[in-house]
Amino acid sequence: MKPPLTIDTLCREAGLFAQQESRYTENSMSRSKKSQAEYGDFQTPPWLAQQVCRLLVAKGLEPASLLEPTCGVGNFLLAALDHFPQLKQITATDISSDYVNQARKRLVPYGGIEQHIFQSDFFTTDWPAILADLPEPILIVGNPPWVTNAALSVLDSDNLPQKENGGQSSGIMAITGGSNFDVSEWIIQRLLDWTAGQDVTVAMLCKTAVARKLLHHLWQNQADVGQAQIHLIDAKAAFAVTVDACLFLYQTQPQTEAKSCPVFANLSAGQPMSHIGFRNDQLTANIAFYERWQHLTQSDQVAYKWRSGIKHDCARVMELTRLGDVYVNQIGESYTLEDDYLYPLLKSSDLANGASAWQDAHQRWLLVPQQRVGAPTRPLQHNAPRTWAYLQEYGRLLDQRKSRIYQNRPRFSIFGVGGYSFAPWKVAISGLYKSLNFVAVGPIAGKPVMLDDTCYFLPCANQPEAELLVDLLNSTAAQEFYQARIFWDAKRPITAKILQQLDIMALAQTLGRLDDLLAYTSIDQQPQQLSLL
């Protein structure tokens, strides 16, 4: 029987520590390494636990009982006992019996308080029964594992919630039925479900993305909700991990219809830096900006449609460097290829560095064997025999692309390609960089520029149109419109779905530039520019 995986083990072995993530893999992680990592030090630092409790005291919290379902060695328990003298009862568990024993020893000086500290697997514990016996008001604190179920599956871990979605549930319960999800999200959501109707405060350290998912679930499924706050923390200083994290604070009482949550820069900030909320069935990153510019939301009529760049999943073959008349692929091999299917390529980093970084001396080119998704590629055999021979030579690498989108498609297929890809000018933005910087991209070497699939763009017929759109999109109105909808800690903060929410025609009218824009595009007249879409 394999040793139990502690919270620390899960976090370490899932790769949260950058210096260890390459050491533990499905095939090479030995029992000895698991055992060494099992009792690691991914504990809530005492100083952070103290800061959290000081914040709770400042908010007037006076709990009668304390629950920590993933207590580790008890740092949170000790901090709570230092700050809440009125506590009558403490209940704490951990999957590691060694941690439980350490926590018990550290709490011996507090013998005057009823203590229940025991070893338990969170996913098999009867929490509703335990919670029902706790005197109110209840404070639930903790630092549940920042790891996903997919990471635990790689580790062959049994320490997972039972999948229980059969089309009957929504939100987090639907997530646990099949998709990837954060274990901490599952744990906190369950605690909120189990304590409905009780006077409870939940104060949990978690990823900010998890906190937002929890709020989305609450706001979407409940007419009346409690009071929520998010206080950002420095996860690198506390846990040596690079991730956006916070203290998620939720008080079930008093109830309110207002679905808004202040976001504080840290645990000691007196005023929030913004408020996230729930409007029109979606989370908003900044309520003030959202309400100021909601009249710019896209209508059913679309004058401009955002597109993603080209997806090929084989840069070694499809991306080449041009040296005179020769093209060199990323394997290092040189070829003389027809120019007909080769186009200059820009990536997110190019857009972030600005036009001067690519206009003067651009060498990166992309092989584009199709002009639309699903088009046959065999015509290259006659139209560009050298290019066809090149693709045949590296056919094995292209055939090994794992994405299912390439299945049952012509050989050497790409995606994100259409008539819009060949527009002479584009207004582009990176989906990866944390910056709302729209740039105009014109032809290079007389050919339209292609963008990779980390970028989004609007196709334009000419330079004046592109430059006008750039001016509009970089305006304060457009920037604040998008700031209300973008969460910058997301893996890809900017998406085509978010970009498309802005009605560019309404924006132009608000800024007094509608007549200028109508010179290039009109919904009524269906101009030439729309054919590019």
Protein backbone atom coordinates (compact mmCIF):
# COMPACT_ATOMS: atom_id res chain seq x y z
CA MET A 1 0.00 0.00 0.00
CA LYS A 2 1.50 3.29 -1.05
CA PRO A 3 2.01 6.01 1.59
CA PRO A 4 -0.69 8.70 1.76
CA LEU A 5 -0.10 11.86 -0.20
CA THR A 6 -0.19 14.91 2.03
CA ILE A 7 -1.23 18.36 0.89
CA ASP A 8 2.43 19.27 0.74
CA THR A 9 3.20 16.24 -1.38
CA LEU A 10 0.39 16.98 -3.79
CA CYS A 11 1.54 20.56 -4.30
CA ARG A 12 5.20 19.65 -4.68
CA GLU A 13 4.68 16.66 -6.93
CA ALA A 14 2.19 18.53 -9.15
CA GLY A 15 4.99 20.90 -10.09
CA LEU A 16 4.08 24.02 -8.12
CA PHE A 17 7.71 24.42 -7.15
CA ALA A 18 9.57 25.37 -10.31
CA GLN A 19 12.85 23.85 -9.17
CA GLN A 20 11.20 20.46 -8.62
CA GLU A 21 8.68 20.15 -11.42
CA SER A 22 11.08 18.30 -13.75
CA ARG A 23 12.12 15.82 -11.04
CA TYR A 24 8.77 14.18 -10.53
CA THR A 25 7.16 12.50 -13.53
CA GLU A 26 4.79 9.60 -13.97
CA ASN A 27 7.52 7.22 -15.03
CA SER A 28 10.52 8.27 -12.99
CA MET A 29 9.18 9.25 -9.58
CA SER A 30 10.30 6.52 -7.18
CA ARG A 31 8.75 5.57 -3.86
CA SER A 32 11.75 7.00 -2.06
CA LYS A 33 11.28 10.39 -3.71
CA LYS A 34 7.60 10.33 -2.86
CA SER A 35 8.46 9.55 0.72
CA GLN A 36 11.02 12.37 0.87
CA ALA A 37 8.53 14.86 -0.52
CA GLU A 38 5.61 13.58 1.54
CA TYR A 39 6.39 15.68 4.60
CA GLY A 40 7.61 18.78 2.77
CA ASP A 41 7.34 22.33 4.01
CA PHE A 42 4.52 23.72 1.88
CA GLN A 43 2.85 25.00 5.02
CA THR A 44 1.19 28.35 5.54
CA PRO A 45 4.04 30.45 7.01
CA PRO A 46 3.33 31.59 10.59
CA TRP A 47 3.69 35.24 9.56
CA LEU A 48 1.03 34.85 6.86
CA ALA A 49 -1.33 33.04 9.22
CA GLN A 50 -0.86 35.87 11.73
CA GLN A 51 -1.61 38.50 9.07
CA VAL A 52 -4.81 36.72 8.04
CA CYS A 53 -6.02 36.51 11.63
CA ARG A 54 -5.19 40.16 12.28
CA LEU A 55 -7.31 41.07 9.27
CA LEU A 56 -10.22 39.00 10.57
CA VAL A 57 -10.00 40.65 13.97
CA ALA A 58 -9.97 44.08 12.33
CA LYS A 59 -13.20 43.15 10.60
CA GLY A 60 -14.82 42.47 13.98
CA LEU A 61 -14.92 38.70 13.71
CA GLU A 62 -15.61 36.87 16.99
CA PRO A 63 -15.99 33.16 16.18
CA ALA A 64 -17.15 30.66 18.77
CA SER A 65 -15.60 27.71 16.91
CA LEU A 66 -12.79 27.17 14.44
CA LEU A 67 -12.49 24.55 11.72
CA GLU A 68 -9.43 23.85 9.60
CA PRO A 69 -9.94 20.82 7.34
CA THR A 70 -6.33 20.76 6.03
CA CYS A 71 -4.39 21.90 9.07
CA GLY A 72 -0.84 20.68 8.37
CA VAL A 73 1.35 21.28 11.43
CA GLY A 74 -1.08 23.83 12.87
CA ASN A 75 0.26 27.28 11.98
CA PHE A 76 -3.21 28.63 11.29
CA LEU A 77 -4.55 27.06 14.48
CA LEU A 78 -1.93 28.77 16.63
CA ALA A 79 -2.49 32.12 14.95
CA ALA A 80 -6.24 31.85 15.51
CA LEU A 81 -5.79 30.98 19.18
CA ASP A 82 -3.58 34.05 19.58
CA HIS A 83 -6.20 36.35 18.07
CA PHE A 84 -9.57 34.90 19.11
CA PRO A 85 -9.64 34.40 22.90
CA GLN A 86 -13.39 33.80 22.80
CA LEU A 87 -13.00 30.49 20.91
CA LYS A 88 -14.76 27.60 22.61
CA GLN A 89 -13.92 24.76 20.25
CA ILE A 90 -11.32 23.85 17.61
CA THR A 91 -11.73 21.09 15.04
CA ALA A 92 -8.90 20.29 12.64
CA THR A 93 -7.89 17.43 10.37
CA ASP A 94 -5.13 16.47 7.98
CA ILE A 95 -4.42 13.45 5.84
CA SER A 96 -0.96 13.11 7.42
CA SER A 97 -0.92 11.50 10.84
CA ASP A 98 2.54 12.99 11.49
CA TYR A 99 1.22 16.49 10.89
CA VAL A 100 -1.74 15.80 13.15
CA ASN A 101 0.59 14.66 15.93
CA GLN A 102 2.72 17.80 15.54
CA ALA A 103 -0.36 20.02 15.63
CA ARG A 104 -1.64 18.31 18.77
CA LYS A 105 1.65 18.84 20.58
CA ARG A 106 1.78 22.50 19.62
CA LEU A 107 -1.73 23.07 20.96
CA VAL A 108 -1.11 21.47 24.37
CA PRO A 109 -0.67 24.90 26.06
CA TYR A 110 -4.23 25.77 25.00
CA GLY A 111 -5.83 22.99 27.01
CA GLY A 112 -8.69 25.17 28.18
CA ILE A 113 -10.33 25.02 24.75
CA GLU A 114 -12.17 21.95 23.49
CA GLN A 115 -9.98 20.42 20.78
CA HIS A 116 -10.73 17.79 18.14
CA ILE A 117 -7.63 17.22 16.01
CA PHE A 118 -7.53 13.99 14.06
CA GLN A 119 -6.19 12.32 10.95
CA SER A 120 -8.73 12.14 8.13
CA ASP A 121 -9.12 12.15 4.36
CA PHE A 122 -11.14 15.23 3.45
CA PHE A 123 -12.98 13.40 0.67
CA THR A 124 -14.29 10.62 2.93
CA THR A 125 -15.07 12.67 6.05
CA ASP A 126 -18.67 13.34 7.12
CA TRP A 127 -18.29 17.12 7.14
CA PRO A 128 -22.00 18.00 7.31
CA ALA A 129 -22.27 16.12 10.61
CA ILE A 130 -19.14 17.82 11.99
CA LEU A 131 -20.28 21.28 10.92
CA ALA A 132 -23.73 20.77 12.42
CA ASP A 133 -22.16 20.25 15.88
CA LEU A 134 -19.97 23.37 15.82
CA PRO A 135 -21.15 26.38 17.86
CA GLU A 136 -21.84 29.48 15.80
CA PRO A 137 -20.45 31.77 14.57
CA ILE A 138 -18.01 29.43 12.84
CA LEU A 139 -14.67 30.40 11.30
CA ILE A 140 -13.30 28.06 8.63
CA VAL A 141 -9.68 28.78 7.73
CA GLY A 142 -7.15 26.94 5.67
CA ASN A 143 -4.85 26.50 2.75
CA PRO A 144 -6.22 23.61 0.67
CA PRO A 145 -3.97 22.10 -2.03
CA TRP A 146 -3.28 24.26 -5.06
CA VAL A 147 -3.30 21.37 -7.49
CA THR A 148 -5.61 20.11 -10.21
CA ASN A 149 -7.22 16.71 -10.53
CA ALA A 150 -5.30 16.20 -13.79
CA ALA A 151 -1.99 16.62 -11.96
CA LEU A 152 -3.06 14.11 -9.34
CA SER A 153 -4.09 11.65 -12.03
CA VAL A 154 -0.54 11.79 -13.39
CA LEU A 155 0.65 10.91 -9.88
CA ASP A 156 -1.80 8.00 -9.69
CA SER A 157 -3.25 9.58 -6.56
CA ASP A 158 -6.41 8.33 -4.90
CA ASN A 159 -6.76 11.57 -2.95
CA LEU A 160 -9.49 12.99 -5.17
CA PRO A 161 -13.19 13.76 -4.83
CA GLN A 162 -15.55 11.22 -6.31
CA LYS A 163 -16.80 12.21 -9.74
CA GLU A 164 -20.51 12.71 -9.46
CA ASN A 165 -21.88 14.61 -12.41
CA GLY A 166 -24.36 12.93 -14.67
CA GLY A 167 -25.84 15.90 -16.43
CA GLN A 168 -27.77 16.81 -13.29
CA SER A 169 -25.43 19.42 -11.86
CA SER A 170 -23.84 22.69 -12.83
CA GLY A 171 -20.89 24.81 -11.80
CA ILE A 172 -18.25 23.05 -9.73
CA MET A 173 -20.23 19.82 -9.57
CA ALA A 174 -20.27 19.65 -13.34
CA ILE A 175 -16.54 20.35 -13.37
CA THR A 176 -15.83 17.44 -11.04
CA GLY A 177 -17.77 15.16 -13.35
CA GLY A 178 -15.17 15.15 -16.06
CA SER A 179 -13.06 18.21 -16.73
CA ASN A 180 -9.91 19.51 -15.09
CA PHE A 181 -10.49 21.46 -11.88
CA ASP A 182 -8.60 22.75 -8.86
CA VAL A 183 -8.90 20.55 -5.78
CA SER A 184 -9.04 23.67 -3.61
CA GLU A 185 -12.05 24.88 -5.58
CA TRP A 186 -13.86 21.62 -4.95
CA ILE A 187 -13.05 21.72 -1.23
CA ILE A 188 -14.08 25.34 -0.65
CA GLN A 189 -17.22 25.03 -2.74
CA ARG A 190 -18.32 21.99 -0.75
CA LEU A 191 -17.71 23.80 2.53
CA LEU A 192 -19.87 26.67 1.31
CA ASP A 193 -22.61 24.23 0.29
CA TRP A 194 -22.50 22.36 3.59
CA THR A 195 -22.70 25.54 5.70
CA ALA A 196 -25.65 27.13 3.88
CA GLY A 197 -27.95 28.64 6.50
CA GLN A 198 -25.28 28.77 9.21
CA ASP A 199 -23.39 31.81 10.50
CA VAL A 200 -20.03 31.03 8.93
CA THR A 201 -16.95 32.91 7.76
CA VAL A 202 -14.69 31.14 5.26
CA ALA A 203 -11.13 32.49 5.02
CA MET A 204 -9.11 30.40 2.57
CA LEU A 205 -5.83 30.90 0.76
CA CYS A 206 -6.18 29.96 -2.89
CA LYS A 207 -5.46 31.03 -6.45
CA THR A 208 -7.30 34.18 -7.46
CA ALA A 209 -8.74 32.26 -10.42
CA VAL A 210 -10.25 29.80 -7.94
CA ALA A 211 -11.75 32.64 -5.89
CA ARG A 212 -13.44 34.01 -9.00
CA LYS A 213 -14.86 30.62 -9.93
CA LEU A 214 -16.29 30.30 -6.44
CA LEU A 215 -17.92 33.71 -6.70
CA HIS A 216 -19.27 32.92 -10.15
CA HIS A 217 -20.87 29.75 -8.81
CA LEU A 218 -22.41 31.57 -5.84
CA TRP A 219 -23.66 34.54 -7.84
CA GLN A 220 -25.02 32.43 -10.65
CA ASN A 221 -26.93 30.00 -8.45
CA GLN A 222 -28.13 32.08 -5.51
CA ALA A 223 -30.46 35.07 -5.45
CA ASP A 224 -29.21 36.17 -2.03
CA VAL A 225 -25.54 35.81 -1.17
CA GLY A 226 -23.20 36.68 1.66
CA GLN A 227 -20.38 39.21 1.78
CA ALA A 228 -17.19 38.40 -0.17
CA GLN A 229 -13.74 39.95 -0.28
CA ILE A 230 -10.52 39.11 -2.09
CA HIS A 231 -7.17 40.15 -0.58
CA LEU A 232 -4.17 39.54 -2.82
CA ILE A 233 -1.10 37.88 -1.32
CA ASP A 234 2.51 37.45 -2.43
CA ALA A 235 2.60 33.73 -3.19
CA LYS A 236 6.27 33.83 -4.13
CA ALA A 237 7.24 35.24 -0.73
CA ALA A 238 4.93 32.86 1.14
CA PHE A 239 5.28 29.62 -0.81
CA ALA A 240 8.04 30.15 -3.39
CA VAL A 241 5.56 29.71 -6.24
CA THR A 242 4.78 32.04 -9.12
CA VAL A 243 1.01 32.21 -9.21
CA ASP A 244 -1.61 34.88 -8.56
CA ALA A 245 -3.06 34.06 -5.16
CA CYS A 246 -5.28 35.59 -2.52
CA LEU A 247 -7.19 35.24 0.70
CA PHE A 248 -10.76 34.44 -0.26
CA LEU A 249 -13.02 35.76 2.48
CA TYR A 250 -16.72 34.92 2.48
CA GLN A 251 -19.23 35.60 5.24
CA THR A 252 -22.62 33.91 4.93
CA GLN A 253 -24.25 36.61 7.06
CA PRO A 254 -25.70 39.11 6.40
CA GLN A 255 -27.35 38.14 3.12
CA THR A 256 -27.57 40.61 0.25
CA GLU A 257 -28.73 40.81 -3.36
CA ALA A 258 -25.69 42.87 -4.33
CA LYS A 259 -23.26 40.72 -6.27
CA SER A 260 -20.04 42.62 -5.81
CA CYS A 261 -16.68 41.78 -4.30
CA PRO A 262 -13.98 44.31 -3.37
CA VAL A 263 -10.41 43.39 -4.30
CA PHE A 264 -7.65 44.61 -2.00
CA ALA A 265 -3.99 44.89 -3.01
CA ASN A 266 -2.83 43.05 0.14
CA LEU A 267 -3.93 41.98 3.60
CA SER A 268 -3.33 45.39 5.16
CA ALA A 269 -4.87 47.63 2.47
CA GLY A 270 -7.56 49.87 3.87
CA GLN A 271 -9.36 50.56 0.59
CA PRO A 272 -10.10 48.20 -2.32
CA MET A 273 -8.35 48.83 -5.61
CA SER A 274 -11.37 47.60 -7.59
CA HIS A 275 -14.64 45.70 -7.34
CA ILE A 276 -15.44 42.61 -9.36
CA GLY A 277 -19.07 41.69 -9.82
CA PHE A 278 -21.72 39.78 -11.69
CA ARG A 279 -23.54 41.55 -14.49
CA ASN A 280 -25.58 40.08 -17.35
CA ASP A 281 -24.69 36.57 -16.24
CA GLN A 282 -20.94 37.12 -16.42
CA LEU A 283 -18.13 38.11 -14.09
CA THR A 284 -16.84 41.63 -14.47
CA ALA A 285 -13.31 42.59 -13.49
CA ASN A 286 -14.21 46.21 -12.77
CA ILE A 287 -17.83 47.15 -12.03
CA ALA A 288 -17.25 50.90 -12.40
CA PHE A 289 -15.77 50.53 -15.89
CA TYR A 290 -18.44 48.02 -16.85
CA GLU A 291 -21.31 50.32 -15.95
CA ARG A 292 -19.63 53.34 -17.54
CA TRP A 293 -19.23 51.70 -20.95
CA GLN A 294 -21.84 48.95 -21.11
CA HIS A 295 -23.64 50.85 -23.90
CA LEU A 296 -20.69 49.90 -26.13
CA THR A 297 -21.52 46.20 -25.88
CA GLN A 298 -21.74 44.47 -29.26
CA SER A 299 -25.16 44.17 -30.90
CA ASP A 300 -26.26 41.38 -33.21
CA GLN A 301 -24.95 43.28 -36.25
CA VAL A 302 -21.19 42.88 -36.54
CA ALA A 303 -19.11 45.22 -38.67
CA TYR A 304 -15.79 43.74 -37.58
CA LYS A 305 -15.04 40.22 -36.44
CA TRP A 306 -11.95 39.32 -34.44
CA ARG A 307 -9.93 36.39 -35.72
CA SER A 308 -7.20 34.29 -34.20
CA GLY A 309 -3.91 33.67 -35.97
CA ILE A 310 -2.84 30.49 -37.69
CA LYS A 311 -2.48 27.26 -35.73
CA HIS A 312 -0.14 24.61 -37.08
CA ASP A 313 1.42 22.83 -34.05
CA CYS A 314 4.69 22.05 -35.81
CA ALA A 315 7.00 25.07 -35.67
CA ARG A 316 10.06 22.95 -36.52
CA VAL A 317 8.67 22.43 -40.01
CA MET A 318 6.21 25.24 -40.68
CA GLU A 319 8.23 28.21 -39.41
CA LEU A 320 11.35 29.11 -41.35
CA THR A 321 14.02 31.77 -41.44
CA ARG A 322 14.71 33.47 -44.75
CA LEU A 323 18.37 33.96 -45.66
CA GLY A 324 18.49 35.47 -49.13
CA ASP A 325 16.81 32.97 -51.43
CA VAL A 326 17.09 30.11 -48.95
CA TYR A 327 14.70 29.10 -46.17
CA VAL A 328 16.05 27.40 -43.03
CA ASN A 329 13.67 25.45 -40.81
CA GLN A 330 14.00 25.07 -37.04
CA ILE A 331 15.69 21.72 -37.48
CA GLY A 332 18.53 23.59 -39.15
CA GLU A 333 18.04 22.31 -42.70
CA SER A 334 18.09 24.70 -45.70
CA TYR A 335 15.71 24.59 -48.67
CA THR A 336 14.92 26.51 -51.81
CA LEU A 337 11.13 26.79 -51.83
CA GLU A 338 8.56 28.55 -53.98
CA ASP A 339 7.49 31.86 -52.46
CA ASP A 340 3.81 31.36 -53.28
CA TYR A 341 2.97 29.62 -49.98
CA LEU A 342 5.36 31.48 -47.69
CA TYR A 343 4.35 34.57 -45.71
CA PRO A 344 6.02 36.76 -43.08
CA LEU A 345 5.04 35.70 -39.55
CA LEU A 346 4.59 37.70 -36.36
CA LYS A 347 4.12 36.32 -32.85
CA SER A 348 2.93 37.77 -29.56
CA SER A 349 6.43 38.92 -28.61
CA ASP A 350 6.73 40.80 -31.90
CA LEU A 351 3.50 42.68 -31.25
CA ALA A 352 4.56 43.46 -27.70
CA ASN A 353 7.89 44.91 -28.89
CA GLY A 354 6.25 47.28 -31.36
CA ALA A 355 6.43 47.91 -35.09
CA SER A 356 10.09 48.90 -35.09
CA ALA A 357 10.98 45.38 -33.99
CA TRP A 358 9.74 43.75 -37.18
CA GLN A 359 9.40 46.22 -40.05
CA ASP A 360 13.07 46.79 -40.83
CA ALA A 361 14.58 43.33 -40.77
CA HIS A 362 12.03 40.56 -40.57
CA GLN A 363 13.28 37.05 -41.27
CA ARG A 364 10.59 34.69 -39.85
CA TRP A 365 8.28 33.12 -42.44
CA LEU A 366 5.35 30.73 -42.25
CA LEU A 367 4.43 28.00 -44.69
CA VAL A 368 0.68 28.34 -45.42
CA PRO A 369 -0.46 25.36 -47.53
CA GLN A 370 -4.18 26.30 -47.45
CA GLN A 371 -6.20 29.45 -47.97
CA ARG A 372 -9.16 28.18 -45.96
CA VAL A 373 -9.73 25.49 -43.35
CA GLY A 374 -10.28 22.09 -44.93
CA ALA A 375 -9.06 23.08 -48.40
CA PRO A 376 -7.16 20.34 -50.26
CA THR A 377 -3.39 20.52 -50.02
CA ARG A 378 -2.55 18.21 -52.91
CA PRO A 379 -2.60 21.07 -55.48
CA LEU A 380 0.80 22.04 -54.06
CA GLN A 381 2.20 18.95 -55.79
CA HIS A 382 1.70 20.70 -59.15
CA ASN A 383 1.73 24.38 -58.14
CA ALA A 384 4.78 24.26 -55.87
CA PRO A 385 6.61 20.92 -56.31
CA ARG A 386 9.58 21.90 -54.11
CA THR A 387 7.27 22.93 -51.28
CA TRP A 388 5.28 19.70 -51.71
CA ALA A 389 8.48 17.65 -51.56
CA TYR A 390 9.49 19.54 -48.41
CA LEU A 391 6.18 18.72 -46.71
CA GLN A 392 6.50 15.09 -47.78
CA GLU A 393 9.98 14.93 -46.30
CA TYR A 394 8.68 16.06 -42.91
CA GLY A 395 5.31 14.41 -43.22
CA ARG A 396 5.97 12.11 -40.26
CA LEU A 397 6.38 15.08 -37.90
CA LEU A 398 3.23 16.73 -39.20
CA ASP A 399 1.30 13.45 -38.95
CA GLN A 400 2.30 13.18 -35.28
CA ARG A 401 0.50 16.36 -34.27
CA LYS A 402 -1.66 15.29 -31.34
CA SER A 403 -4.61 17.66 -31.59
CA ARG A 404 -7.77 15.98 -32.77
CA ILE A 405 -8.56 18.94 -35.01
CA TYR A 406 -6.16 17.49 -37.59
CA GLN A 407 -7.98 14.17 -37.78
CA ASN A 408 -9.93 13.49 -40.98
CA ARG A 409 -8.46 16.61 -42.58
CA PRO A 410 -6.25 16.92 -45.66
CA ARG A 411 -2.65 16.05 -44.88
CA PHE A 412 -0.54 19.03 -43.77
CA SER A 413 -3.65 20.99 -42.72
CA ILE A 414 -3.53 24.15 -40.64
CA PHE A 415 -6.26 26.04 -38.77
CA GLY A 416 -7.23 29.66 -38.24
CA VAL A 417 -6.84 30.39 -41.93
CA GLY A 418 -9.30 32.05 -44.29
CA GLY A 419 -9.71 34.98 -46.63
CA TYR A 420 -9.22 37.28 -43.63
CA SER A 421 -5.70 35.90 -43.15
CA PHE A 422 -4.61 37.47 -46.42
CA ALA A 423 -5.96 40.95 -45.71
CA PRO A 424 -3.19 43.44 -46.60
CA TRP A 425 -3.49 45.24 -43.24
CA LYS A 426 -4.45 44.03 -39.79
CA VAL A 427 -5.09 45.46 -36.34
CA ALA A 428 -3.49 42.98 -33.98
CA ILE A 429 -3.02 42.28 -30.29
CA SER A 430 -1.29 39.56 -28.27
CA GLY A 431 -3.48 37.21 -26.28
CA LEU A 432 -0.66 36.39 -23.87
CA TYR A 433 0.87 39.68 -22.78
CA LYS A 434 -0.77 41.63 -19.97
CA SER A 435 -1.19 44.73 -22.04
CA LEU A 436 -4.02 46.21 -24.11
CA ASN A 437 -1.79 47.42 -26.89
CA PHE A 438 -3.39 47.35 -30.35
CA VAL A 439 -1.03 47.78 -33.31
CA ALA A 440 -1.43 48.19 -37.06
CA VAL A 441 0.38 45.51 -39.07
CA GLY A 442 1.07 46.13 -42.74
CA PRO A 443 2.67 44.08 -45.51
CA ILE A 444 6.29 42.96 -45.30
CA ALA A 445 8.22 42.37 -48.50
CA GLY A 446 5.01 43.04 -50.41
CA LYS A 447 3.12 40.18 -48.75
CA PRO A 448 0.38 40.17 -46.07
CA VAL A 449 1.65 39.27 -42.63
CA MET A 450 0.43 36.11 -40.88
CA LEU A 451 -0.01 35.97 -37.10
CA ASP A 452 0.34 32.89 -34.94
CA ASP A 453 -2.47 31.50 -32.79
CA THR A 454 -1.43 33.46 -29.70
CA CYS A 455 -2.59 36.65 -31.48
CA TYR A 456 -5.92 38.13 -32.49
CA PHE A 457 -6.61 40.56 -35.31
CA LEU A 458 -9.11 42.52 -37.36
CA PRO A 459 -8.56 42.32 -41.15
CA CYS A 460 -8.37 45.71 -42.87
CA ALA A 461 -8.39 46.76 -46.50
CA ASN A 462 -5.76 49.49 -46.21
CA GLN A 463 -3.47 51.44 -43.91
CA PRO A 464 -5.81 54.38 -43.09
CA GLU A 465 -8.52 51.97 -41.94
CA ALA A 466 -6.08 50.05 -39.75
CA GLU A 467 -4.68 53.21 -38.21
CA LEU A 468 -8.15 54.57 -37.44
CA LEU A 469 -9.12 51.32 -35.73
CA VAL A 470 -5.91 51.41 -33.69
CA ASP A 471 -6.74 54.94 -32.53
CA LEU A 472 -10.26 53.85 -31.52
CA LEU A 473 -9.15 50.69 -29.72
CA ASN A 474 -6.36 52.42 -27.81
CA SER A 475 -8.76 55.12 -26.58
CA THR A 476 -9.66 55.41 -22.90
CA ALA A 477 -13.21 54.27 -23.62
CA ALA A 478 -12.13 51.04 -25.31
CA GLN A 479 -9.38 50.35 -22.80
CA GLU A 480 -11.76 50.69 -19.84
CA PHE A 481 -14.41 48.63 -21.64
CA TYR A 482 -11.96 45.75 -21.93
CA GLN A 483 -10.46 46.28 -18.46
CA ALA A 484 -13.94 45.57 -17.08
CA ARG A 485 -13.89 42.14 -18.71
CA ILE A 486 -10.27 40.98 -18.55
CA PHE A 487 -8.76 39.13 -15.61
CA TRP A 488 -5.04 39.54 -16.09
CA ASP A 489 -4.02 36.46 -14.10
CA ALA A 490 -5.77 34.16 -16.57
CA LYS A 491 -3.56 31.89 -18.66
CA ARG A 492 -4.65 33.78 -21.77
CA PRO A 493 -6.12 37.06 -20.50
CA ILE A 494 -7.27 38.35 -23.88
CA THR A 495 -9.50 36.18 -26.05
CA ALA A 496 -11.47 36.68 -29.25
CA LYS A 497 -14.67 36.29 -27.24
CA ILE A 498 -13.74 39.21 -25.00
CA LEU A 499 -12.53 41.36 -27.88
CA GLN A 500 -15.74 40.76 -29.81
CA GLN A 501 -17.89 42.16 -27.01
CA LEU A 502 -16.98 45.72 -27.98
CA ASP A 503 -19.16 47.30 -30.67
CA ILE A 504 -16.58 49.22 -32.68
CA MET A 505 -19.24 51.20 -34.53
CA ALA A 506 -20.77 52.35 -31.24
CA LEU A 507 -17.28 53.19 -30.00
CA ALA A 508 -16.61 55.29 -33.09
CA GLN A 509 -19.90 57.13 -32.60
CA THR A 510 -19.10 57.83 -28.94
CA LEU A 511 -15.70 59.24 -29.92
CA GLY A 512 -17.07 61.30 -32.81
CA ARG A 513 -15.31 59.19 -35.50
CA LEU A 514 -18.25 57.31 -36.96
CA ASP A 515 -18.24 59.13 -40.30
CA ASP A 516 -14.55 58.39 -40.68
CA LEU A 517 -15.12 54.71 -40.01
CA LEU A 518 -18.14 54.50 -42.33
CA ALA A 519 -15.83 55.49 -45.15
CA TYR A 520 -14.34 52.02 -44.82
CA THR A 521 -17.20 49.86 -43.60
CA SER A 522 -20.97 50.06 -43.37
CA ILE A 523 -23.34 47.42 -42.10
CA ASP A 524 -26.01 48.62 -44.50
CA GLN A 525 -23.87 48.73 -47.64
CA GLN A 526 -21.94 45.48 -47.06
CA PRO A 527 -18.64 46.94 -48.35
CA GLN A 528 -15.65 45.16 -49.79
CA GLN A 529 -13.93 45.06 -46.40
CA LEU A 530 -16.56 42.68 -45.02
CA SER A 531 -15.70 40.12 -47.71
CA LEU A 532 -12.44 39.60 -45.85
CA LEU A 533 -14.36 38.34 -42.81
